[in-house]
Every structure is written in structure tokens, then in C-alpha cells.
Amino acid sequence: MTDMTTVRAAEQLNLAVGTLRRLIASGLLPTLRARGNRTVMPTADIETLARREAVGPSAVGRQELPVLRVGVAEKADDGGQGWTGFSTQLTPDQLQAALSGWWRCDPERVVRAGLMAVTLGQYVVAVLTGIDGYDGRGDGRYRFHGTLAGSVTELVTPQQWVNPDAPGADRARLLLGRRLESESGGPVAYVQPGG
């Protein structure tokens, strides 16, 4: 079995090395080895990720898909949430709280869509559905009322956890583990078909 360094893997995936390291730190890439002072991973895993199909708003019947772009989970400093960001080590309840807010965005666009894809790098790692409202705190940041419909517990295969009781769980399955590219100056992007 051949291995690839993180630098070569990032090039193959068209990611920054830092982004690949965040995927590793989040627990999404299961097979890592140390070779001297380098981290390597199976070439076959990287090739699989490089071939992963892209997805867009039309996959879930939307004209616009809000995309929350997160980093690796870390302790939140607001006292009530616990965590912010994504990690496979968080329980579903912790993950829902970590992804629900407080984000700078246009809250009406998120509520209009009713769901939000969550990406780490260019991969959908979780989906919030049933978003029917939000709370604001007066500084342009919002927290959404919705349900964690599913998350990815391993990206290469990919392995999913899906909440069968969540509204739109079937739509979450269509997004989880797939590539979804987005650009934004903030944490939330709005992807439209063909863009």
C-alpha cells in the first residue's frame, strides 16, 4: 500500500495544507500513519476523496443553499454553548449546539431555505434541517432553531449518522460526505445552482 504526505494529498485534493490538517484534526480521516516526523495517509483514500461527486442546491430542491463553513470544534467562550465547530468526537446534542450559532449571516435567507449544509474544507460534514426561526443578539450574529439531521463520522467511506426523526433527513443523506464548494467573506455562504 502506498502512502501520501499531507502536502501531496492537499495538492491532489486542491486544498490548502491547513484545510487538510483541519479535516485530520476533526477525526474525519481514519487511516493516518507517522513516517518520521510526517503524517501520511493511504494514496487510495486521497484518490477516493478526489473523485467525490459535487453537490449543489438542486440536489435538495432549493434555488439557494446556505452553507455554514466551520473549523475544527473548540471550546466556545460564550459560556452556554459548550463547543463551536465540527468534530466526530462530539455527541449529536453537542454537535447541534456547536453548529446552531452565533453566526454572521442573513438569517432570513437561512430560514427561507429551511436547511443549512455544514462544510469543513469542501466536504459536507453535517446538515441542519427544519430551520424555522432564529435568535439575534444585536451584533449581526444569529442562532438558528433547527435540528441536526445528520453528520459524517468518517469521510473516506463515507459513514453517516442520520437522525430519522429530523425533518428533511432524506435531504441530509443527499448532501452528507459530498463536495460542496462555496465562497464567502464570512462563515455562511449562499450557493446557487451553477455557482
C-alpha atoms as a PDB file:
ATOM      1  CA  MET A   1       0.000   0.000   0.000  1.00  0.00           C
ATOM      2  CA  THR A   2       1.425   3.381  -0.961  1.00  0.00           C
ATOM      3  CA  ASP A   3       1.132   6.453   1.222  1.00  0.00           C
ATOM      4  CA  MET A   4       0.970  10.147   0.514  1.00  0.00           C
ATOM      5  CA  THR A   5       2.224  13.054   2.634  1.00  0.00           C
ATOM      6  CA  THR A   6      -0.186  15.772   3.711  1.00  0.00           C
ATOM      7  CA  VAL A   7       1.444  18.224   1.282  1.00  0.00           C
ATOM      8  CA  ARG A   8       0.926  15.905  -1.717  1.00  0.00           C
ATOM      9  CA  ALA A   9      -2.545  14.922  -0.501  1.00  0.00           C
ATOM     10  CA  ALA A  10      -3.590  18.561  -0.209  1.00  0.00           C
ATOM     11  CA  GLU A  11      -2.360  19.212  -3.765  1.00  0.00           C
ATOM     12  CA  GLN A  12      -4.288  16.190  -5.041  1.00  0.00           C
ATOM     13  CA  LEU A  13      -7.473  17.415  -3.314  1.00  0.00           C
ATOM     14  CA  ASN A  14      -6.964  21.033  -4.358  1.00  0.00           C
ATOM     15  CA  LEU A  15      -6.980  22.093  -0.698  1.00  0.00           C
ATOM     16  CA  ALA A  16      -4.640  24.207   1.374  1.00  0.00           C
ATOM     17  CA  VAL A  17      -2.445  22.077   3.645  1.00  0.00           C
ATOM     18  CA  GLY A  18      -4.042  23.795   6.651  1.00  0.00           C
ATOM     19  CA  THR A  19      -7.500  22.752   5.465  1.00  0.00           C
ATOM     20  CA  LEU A  20      -6.390  19.129   5.119  1.00  0.00           C
ATOM     21  CA  ARG A  21      -4.931  19.295   8.619  1.00  0.00           C
ATOM     22  CA  ARG A  22      -8.323  20.512   9.894  1.00  0.00           C
ATOM     23  CA  LEU A  23     -10.006  17.507   8.247  1.00  0.00           C
ATOM     24  CA  ILE A  24      -7.479  15.277  10.025  1.00  0.00           C
ATOM     25  CA  ALA A  25      -7.897  17.042  13.386  1.00  0.00           C
ATOM     26  CA  SER A  26     -11.689  16.733  13.182  1.00  0.00           C
ATOM     27  CA  GLY A  27     -11.436  12.917  13.067  1.00  0.00           C
ATOM     28  CA  LEU A  28     -12.822  12.575   9.535  1.00  0.00           C
ATOM     29  CA  LEU A  29      -9.824  10.750   8.022  1.00  0.00           C
ATOM     30  CA  PRO A  30      -9.428   7.439   9.841  1.00  0.00           C
ATOM     31  CA  THR A  31      -6.222   5.973   8.422  1.00  0.00           C
ATOM     32  CA  LEU A  32      -3.177   8.040   9.325  1.00  0.00           C
ATOM     33  CA  ARG A  33       0.364   6.884   9.924  1.00  0.00           C
ATOM     34  CA  ALA A  34       3.518   8.545  11.135  1.00  0.00           C
ATOM     35  CA  ARG A  35       6.577   8.301   8.939  1.00  0.00           C
ATOM     36  CA  GLY A  36       9.398  10.003  10.803  1.00  0.00           C
ATOM     37  CA  ASN A  37       8.062  13.442  11.662  1.00  0.00           C
ATOM     38  CA  ARG A  38       5.464  13.378   8.855  1.00  0.00           C
ATOM     39  CA  THR A  39       1.865  12.306   8.775  1.00  0.00           C
ATOM     40  CA  VAL A  40       0.991  10.122   5.801  1.00  0.00           C
ATOM     41  CA  MET A  41      -2.231   8.603   4.603  1.00  0.00           C
ATOM     42  CA  PRO A  42      -3.123   5.910   2.076  1.00  0.00           C
ATOM     43  CA  THR A  43      -2.978   7.106  -1.523  1.00  0.00           C
ATOM     44  CA  ALA A  44      -6.198   5.169  -2.204  1.00  0.00           C
ATOM     45  CA  ASP A  45      -8.050   7.260   0.423  1.00  0.00           C
ATOM     46  CA  ILE A  46      -6.919  10.507  -1.173  1.00  0.00           C
ATOM     47  CA  GLU A  47      -7.853   9.280  -4.651  1.00  0.00           C
ATOM     48  CA  THR A  48     -11.313   8.362  -3.339  1.00  0.00           C
ATOM     49  CA  LEU A  49     -11.798  11.838  -1.881  1.00  0.00           C
ATOM     50  CA  ALA A  50     -10.528  13.483  -5.074  1.00  0.00           C
ATOM     51  CA  ARG A  51     -13.217  11.629  -7.076  1.00  0.00           C
ATOM     52  CA  ARG A  52     -16.033  12.521  -4.648  1.00  0.00           C
ATOM     53  CA  GLU A  53     -19.016  13.907  -6.524  1.00  0.00           C
ATOM     54  CA  ALA A  54     -20.033  17.529  -6.118  1.00  0.00           C
ATOM     55  CA  VAL A  55     -23.493  18.543  -4.990  1.00  0.00           C
ATOM     56  CA  GLY A  56     -25.480  21.773  -5.125  1.00  0.00           C
ATOM     57  CA  PRO A  57     -28.839  23.281  -4.128  1.00  0.00           C
ATOM     58  CA  SER A  58     -30.792  21.432  -6.815  1.00  0.00           C
ATOM     59  CA  ALA A  59     -29.958  18.104  -5.121  1.00  0.00           C
ATOM     60  CA  VAL A  60     -32.279  19.099  -2.283  1.00  0.00           C
ATOM     61  CA  GLY A  61     -34.806  21.037  -4.366  1.00  0.00           C
ATOM     62  CA  ARG A  62     -33.572  24.514  -3.486  1.00  0.00           C
ATOM     63  CA  GLN A  63     -32.658  27.562  -5.549  1.00  0.00           C
ATOM     64  CA  GLU A  64     -30.220  28.647  -2.875  1.00  0.00           C
ATOM     65  CA  LEU A  65     -28.419  26.617  -0.237  1.00  0.00           C
ATOM     66  CA  PRO A  66     -26.947  28.296   2.838  1.00  0.00           C
ATOM     67  CA  VAL A  67     -23.592  26.753   3.696  1.00  0.00           C
ATOM     68  CA  LEU A  68     -22.001  27.117   7.114  1.00  0.00           C
ATOM     69  CA  ARG A  69     -18.223  26.871   6.752  1.00  0.00           C
ATOM     70  CA  VAL A  70     -16.677  25.722  10.037  1.00  0.00           C
ATOM     71  CA  GLY A  71     -13.371  24.725  11.520  1.00  0.00           C
ATOM     72  CA  VAL A  72     -12.436  22.018  13.984  1.00  0.00           C
ATOM     73  CA  ALA A  73     -14.529  22.072  17.168  1.00  0.00           C
ATOM     74  CA  GLU A  74     -13.123  24.060  20.026  1.00  0.00           C
ATOM     75  CA  LYS A  75     -14.478  25.181  23.362  1.00  0.00           C
ATOM     76  CA  ALA A  76     -16.812  28.148  22.961  1.00  0.00           C
ATOM     77  CA  ASP A  77     -16.133  31.219  25.015  1.00  0.00           C
ATOM     78  CA  ASP A  78     -19.761  32.287  25.420  1.00  0.00           C
ATOM     79  CA  GLY A  79     -20.388  30.040  28.420  1.00  0.00           C
ATOM     80  CA  GLY A  80     -23.646  28.435  27.246  1.00  0.00           C
ATOM     81  CA  GLN A  81     -22.900  26.522  24.065  1.00  0.00           C
ATOM     82  CA  GLY A  82     -20.000  24.285  25.029  1.00  0.00           C
ATOM     83  CA  TRP A  83     -18.400  23.938  21.585  1.00  0.00           C
ATOM     84  CA  THR A  84     -18.219  25.678  18.247  1.00  0.00           C
ATOM     85  CA  GLY A  85     -17.203  23.932  15.010  1.00  0.00           C
ATOM     86  CA  PHE A  86     -17.134  20.270  13.964  1.00  0.00           C
ATOM     87  CA  SER A  87     -15.589  17.096  15.355  1.00  0.00           C
ATOM     88  CA  THR A  88     -16.524  13.445  15.034  1.00  0.00           C
ATOM     89  CA  GLN A  89     -15.930  13.210  18.805  1.00  0.00           C
ATOM     90  CA  LEU A  90     -18.925  15.405  19.683  1.00  0.00           C
ATOM     91  CA  THR A  91     -22.260  13.788  20.546  1.00  0.00           C
ATOM     92  CA  PRO A  92     -25.235  14.730  18.333  1.00  0.00           C
ATOM     93  CA  ASP A  93     -26.524  17.126  21.016  1.00  0.00           C
ATOM     94  CA  GLN A  94     -23.111  18.779  21.378  1.00  0.00           C
ATOM     95  CA  LEU A  95     -22.747  18.990  17.607  1.00  0.00           C
ATOM     96  CA  GLN A  96     -26.180  20.565  17.135  1.00  0.00           C
ATOM     97  CA  ALA A  97     -25.334  23.238  19.723  1.00  0.00           C
ATOM     98  CA  ALA A  98     -21.879  23.776  18.177  1.00  0.00           C
ATOM     99  CA  LEU A  99     -23.359  24.374  14.713  1.00  0.00           C
ATOM    100  CA  SER A 100     -26.534  26.317  15.540  1.00  0.00           C
ATOM    101  CA  GLY A 101     -24.886  29.730  16.073  1.00  0.00           C
ATOM    102  CA  TRP A 102     -23.841  32.519  16.666  1.00  0.00           C
ATOM    103  CA  TRP A 103     -23.049  33.266  13.008  1.00  0.00           C
ATOM    104  CA  ARG A 104     -22.811  36.475  10.981  1.00  0.00           C
ATOM    105  CA  CYS A 105     -25.233  35.996   8.097  1.00  0.00           C
ATOM    106  CA  ASP A 106     -28.546  36.987   6.547  1.00  0.00           C
ATOM    107  CA  PRO A 107     -30.903  34.993   8.812  1.00  0.00           C
ATOM    108  CA  GLU A 108     -33.927  35.396   6.523  1.00  0.00           C
ATOM    109  CA  ARG A 109     -32.117  33.609   3.688  1.00  0.00           C
ATOM    110  CA  VAL A 110     -31.300  30.702   6.008  1.00  0.00           C
ATOM    111  CA  VAL A 111     -34.893  30.425   7.267  1.00  0.00           C
ATOM    112  CA  ARG A 112     -36.230  30.679   3.707  1.00  0.00           C
ATOM    113  CA  ALA A 113     -34.111  27.661   2.717  1.00  0.00           C
ATOM    114  CA  GLY A 114     -35.157  25.757   5.859  1.00  0.00           C
ATOM    115  CA  LEU A 115     -31.865  23.890   5.995  1.00  0.00           C
ATOM    116  CA  MET A 116     -28.149  24.583   6.110  1.00  0.00           C
ATOM    117  CA  ALA A 117     -25.284  22.417   4.896  1.00  0.00           C
ATOM    118  CA  VAL A 118     -22.180  22.474   7.095  1.00  0.00           C
ATOM    119  CA  THR A 119     -18.806  22.115   5.404  1.00  0.00           C
ATOM    120  CA  LEU A 120     -15.294  21.555   6.631  1.00  0.00           C
ATOM    121  CA  GLY A 121     -12.988  22.225   3.728  1.00  0.00           C
ATOM    122  CA  GLN A 122     -15.105  21.448   0.706  1.00  0.00           C
ATOM    123  CA  TYR A 123     -16.936  18.460   2.189  1.00  0.00           C
ATOM    124  CA  VAL A 124     -20.438  18.443   3.714  1.00  0.00           C
ATOM    125  CA  VAL A 125     -19.942  17.112   7.240  1.00  0.00           C
ATOM    126  CA  ALA A 126     -23.358  17.897   8.754  1.00  0.00           C
ATOM    127  CA  VAL A 127     -26.793  19.210   7.816  1.00  0.00           C
ATOM    128  CA  LEU A 128     -29.210  21.241   9.924  1.00  0.00           C
ATOM    129  CA  THR A 129     -32.872  20.979   8.828  1.00  0.00           C
ATOM    130  CA  GLY A 130     -36.253  22.250   9.984  1.00  0.00           C
ATOM    131  CA  ILE A 131     -34.825  25.751  10.440  1.00  0.00           C
ATOM    132  CA  ASP A 132     -37.902  27.846  11.140  1.00  0.00           C
ATOM    133  CA  GLY A 133     -36.573  30.733  13.208  1.00  0.00           C
ATOM    134  CA  TYR A 134     -33.605  32.389  14.826  1.00  0.00           C
ATOM    135  CA  ASP A 135     -32.466  34.498  17.744  1.00  0.00           C
ATOM    136  CA  GLY A 136     -30.335  37.607  17.321  1.00  0.00           C
ATOM    137  CA  ARG A 137     -28.150  39.228  19.891  1.00  0.00           C
ATOM    138  CA  GLY A 138     -27.901  42.695  18.351  1.00  0.00           C
ATOM    139  CA  ASP A 139     -24.397  42.414  16.888  1.00  0.00           C
ATOM    140  CA  GLY A 140     -25.246  40.885  13.495  1.00  0.00           C
ATOM    141  CA  ARG A 141     -24.882  37.296  14.752  1.00  0.00           C
ATOM    142  CA  TYR A 142     -27.707  34.777  14.792  1.00  0.00           C
ATOM    143  CA  ARG A 143     -28.516  31.397  16.308  1.00  0.00           C
ATOM    144  CA  PHE A 144     -30.929  29.124  14.423  1.00  0.00           C
ATOM    145  CA  HIS A 145     -33.852  26.949  15.556  1.00  0.00           C
ATOM    146  CA  GLY A 146     -33.482  23.652  13.742  1.00  0.00           C
ATOM    147  CA  THR A 147     -32.437  20.043  14.087  1.00  0.00           C
ATOM    148  CA  LEU A 148     -29.209  18.236  13.360  1.00  0.00           C
ATOM    149  CA  ALA A 149     -30.446  15.901  10.621  1.00  0.00           C
ATOM    150  CA  GLY A 150     -27.148  14.096  10.179  1.00  0.00           C
ATOM    151  CA  SER A 151     -23.382  14.187  10.213  1.00  0.00           C
ATOM    152  CA  VAL A 152     -20.430  12.343   8.752  1.00  0.00           C
ATOM    153  CA  THR A 153     -18.469  10.172  11.163  1.00  0.00           C
ATOM    154  CA  GLU A 154     -15.839   9.168   8.581  1.00  0.00           C
ATOM    155  CA  LEU A 155     -15.242  10.908   5.271  1.00  0.00           C
ATOM    156  CA  VAL A 156     -13.452   8.372   3.063  1.00  0.00           C
ATOM    157  CA  THR A 157     -16.156   5.676   3.053  1.00  0.00           C
ATOM    158  CA  PRO A 158     -18.279   7.944   3.914  1.00  0.00           C
ATOM    159  CA  GLN A 159     -20.053   6.848   7.064  1.00  0.00           C
ATOM    160  CA  GLN A 160     -23.085   8.837   8.147  1.00  0.00           C
ATOM    161  CA  TRP A 161     -25.140   9.289  11.256  1.00  0.00           C
ATOM    162  CA  VAL A 162     -28.680  10.339  10.300  1.00  0.00           C
ATOM    163  CA  ASN A 163     -31.436  11.339  12.727  1.00  0.00           C
ATOM    164  CA  PRO A 164     -34.527   9.562  11.333  1.00  0.00           C
ATOM    165  CA  ASP A 165     -36.825  11.869  13.340  1.00  0.00           C
ATOM    166  CA  ALA A 166     -35.374  15.064  11.844  1.00  0.00           C
ATOM    167  CA  PRO A 167     -37.474  16.871   9.259  1.00  0.00           C
ATOM    168  CA  GLY A 168     -35.732  16.507   5.922  1.00  0.00           C
ATOM    169  CA  ALA A 169     -33.464  13.624   6.970  1.00  0.00           C
ATOM    170  CA  ASP A 170     -33.761  12.267   3.421  1.00  0.00           C
ATOM    171  CA  ARG A 171     -32.348  15.550   2.067  1.00  0.00           C
ATOM    172  CA  ALA A 172     -29.478  15.391   4.552  1.00  0.00           C
ATOM    173  CA  ARG A 173     -28.473  11.985   3.155  1.00  0.00           C
ATOM    174  CA  LEU A 174     -28.172  13.535  -0.318  1.00  0.00           C
ATOM    175  CA  LEU A 175     -25.620  16.085   0.915  1.00  0.00           C
ATOM    176  CA  LEU A 176     -23.545  14.312   3.557  1.00  0.00           C
ATOM    177  CA  GLY A 177     -19.980  13.446   2.572  1.00  0.00           C
ATOM    178  CA  ARG A 178     -20.169  15.120  -0.833  1.00  0.00           C
ATOM    179  CA  ARG A 179     -18.178  18.096  -2.122  1.00  0.00           C
ATOM    180  CA  LEU A 180     -19.871  21.472  -1.940  1.00  0.00           C
ATOM    181  CA  GLU A 181     -17.739  24.424  -2.892  1.00  0.00           C
ATOM    182  CA  SER A 182     -18.613  27.847  -1.573  1.00  0.00           C
ATOM    183  CA  GLU A 183     -17.034  31.261  -1.273  1.00  0.00           C
ATOM    184  CA  SER A 184     -17.822  33.873   1.315  1.00  0.00           C
ATOM    185  CA  GLY A 185     -16.230  36.600   3.367  1.00  0.00           C
ATOM    186  CA  GLY A 186     -17.912  35.188   6.465  1.00  0.00           C
ATOM    187  CA  PRO A 187     -18.914  31.876   7.970  1.00  0.00           C
ATOM    188  CA  VAL A 188     -22.109  31.477   5.904  1.00  0.00           C
ATOM    189  CA  ALA A 189     -22.134  31.324   2.106  1.00  0.00           C
ATOM    190  CA  TYR A 190     -25.165  31.104  -0.180  1.00  0.00           C
ATOM    191  CA  VAL A 191     -24.676  28.660  -3.053  1.00  0.00           C
ATOM    192  CA  GLN A 192     -26.880  28.881  -6.123  1.00  0.00           C
ATOM    193  CA  PRO A 193     -27.160  26.373  -8.987  1.00  0.00           C
ATOM    194  CA  GLY A 194     -24.144  26.535 -11.254  1.00  0.00           C
ATOM    195  CA  GLY A 195     -22.248  28.713  -8.829  1.00  0.00           C
END
